[in-house]
Each structure stands twice: as structure tokens, then as C-alpha cells.
Amino acid sequence: MKSHLCYHTMESKKQGKTIGDKVRELRNKRGLTQDKLARKCDIPYTTLTKIESNVITKPTIQTVKKIAGGLEVTIDELAK
């Protein structure tokens, strides 16, 4: 019974990814440091770190657009 509960909890977390979780995951897949991505996107390093750590959970559309461009994905891919 306990393993089922853990599995359910893990599934819930996977489905509830924040935009910060997605940015961190995509950045890591591309082998970029936070600093390199921030520079590539022309956003402050601190903004990127706050998004990735879910301090900022609703970044502006301009910021999302810049991050999507830096990660070479669509805004929809980050938002879904």
C-alpha cells in the first residue's frame, strides 16, 4: 500500500510541473548553466534563478518569451 501512495505522489508532482521546473529541465538537457542561459536570454541571472527555484511562479510574458527563445522552444512548450 505504501509504494502505491508514493507512486501516486510522484505522478502528481510530474503532472504539476511549474514553469520553473520546465525551464530548469530544458536548460539542463541543453547543457547550459544558469548564467549562460540568462545571458543568452538577456534577462537578469537573479530572475532566472528565482523562476527555476519557484520564487517567481508567474513571470511576465516578455520574460517567458526571452527564455523560450534562449531554450529554442515555443512559449506553448514552456506554458503547458
Protein backbone atom coordinates (compact mmCIF):
# COMPACT_ATOMS: atom_id res chain seq x y z
CA MET A 1 0.00 0.00 0.00
CA LYS A 2 2.81 2.39 0.85
CA SER A 3 4.51 2.03 -2.55
CA HIS A 4 1.21 2.83 -4.28
CA LEU A 5 0.93 6.02 -2.28
CA CYS A 6 4.49 7.03 -3.20
CA TYR A 7 3.82 6.29 -6.87
CA HIS A 8 0.68 8.42 -6.78
CA THR A 9 2.58 11.27 -5.13
CA MET A 10 5.32 11.08 -7.76
CA GLU A 11 2.75 11.11 -10.56
CA SER A 12 1.05 14.17 -9.09
CA LYS A 13 4.34 16.02 -8.94
CA LYS A 14 5.18 15.12 -12.54
CA GLN A 15 1.85 16.48 -13.77
CA GLY A 16 2.14 19.62 -11.66
CA LYS A 17 5.41 20.93 -13.08
CA THR A 18 5.86 24.65 -12.75
CA ILE A 19 7.32 26.79 -15.48
CA GLY A 20 10.47 26.96 -13.35
CA ASP A 21 10.71 23.16 -13.28
CA LYS A 22 10.39 23.06 -17.06
CA VAL A 23 12.99 25.79 -17.59
CA ARG A 24 15.48 24.01 -15.31
CA GLU A 25 14.86 20.68 -17.03
CA LEU A 26 15.26 22.10 -20.55
CA ARG A 27 18.32 24.12 -19.53
CA ASN A 28 19.99 21.01 -18.11
CA LYS A 29 19.13 18.99 -21.24
CA ARG A 30 20.88 21.63 -23.32
CA GLY A 31 23.93 21.66 -21.07
CA LEU A 32 23.58 25.33 -20.18
CA THR A 33 24.45 26.90 -16.85
CA GLN A 34 22.03 29.37 -15.33
CA ASP A 35 24.48 32.16 -16.11
CA LYS A 36 24.82 31.15 -19.77
CA LEU A 37 21.06 30.90 -20.23
CA ALA A 38 20.43 34.23 -18.51
CA ARG A 39 22.97 35.92 -20.80
CA LYS A 40 21.57 34.18 -23.88
CA CYS A 41 18.04 35.32 -22.96
CA ASP A 42 19.15 38.81 -21.92
CA ILE A 43 17.46 38.52 -18.53
CA PRO A 44 18.98 39.06 -15.08
CA TYR A 45 20.64 35.98 -13.59
CA THR A 46 18.68 36.50 -10.36
CA THR A 47 15.39 36.47 -12.28
CA LEU A 48 16.25 33.12 -13.86
CA THR A 49 17.30 31.60 -10.54
CA LYS A 50 14.09 32.81 -8.88
CA ILE A 51 11.99 31.30 -11.69
CA GLU A 52 13.84 27.98 -11.51
CA SER A 53 13.51 27.83 -7.72
CA ASN A 54 9.80 28.73 -7.94
CA VAL A 55 10.16 32.00 -6.04
CA ILE A 56 8.72 33.65 -9.16
CA THR A 57 5.85 31.41 -10.30
CA LYS A 58 4.23 33.78 -12.79
CA PRO A 59 6.94 35.52 -14.82
CA THR A 60 5.94 38.19 -17.32
CA ILE A 61 5.15 37.13 -20.87
CA GLN A 62 8.20 39.11 -22.04
CA THR A 63 10.45 37.07 -19.75
CA VAL A 64 8.83 33.79 -20.82
CA LYS A 65 9.31 34.79 -24.46
CA LYS A 66 13.01 35.51 -23.89
CA ILE A 67 13.55 32.22 -22.03
CA ALA A 68 11.69 30.24 -24.71
CA GLY A 69 13.91 31.85 -27.35
CA GLY A 70 17.05 31.07 -25.37
CA LEU A 71 15.99 27.45 -24.94
CA GLU A 72 14.84 27.27 -28.57
CA VAL A 73 11.31 26.14 -27.69
CA THR A 74 7.91 27.73 -28.16
CA ILE A 75 6.16 29.66 -25.43
CA ASP A 76 3.48 26.95 -25.51
CA GLU A 77 6.07 24.28 -24.71
CA LEU A 78 7.03 26.15 -21.56
CA ALA A 79 3.46 27.00 -20.59
CA LYS A 80 1.84 23.57 -20.94
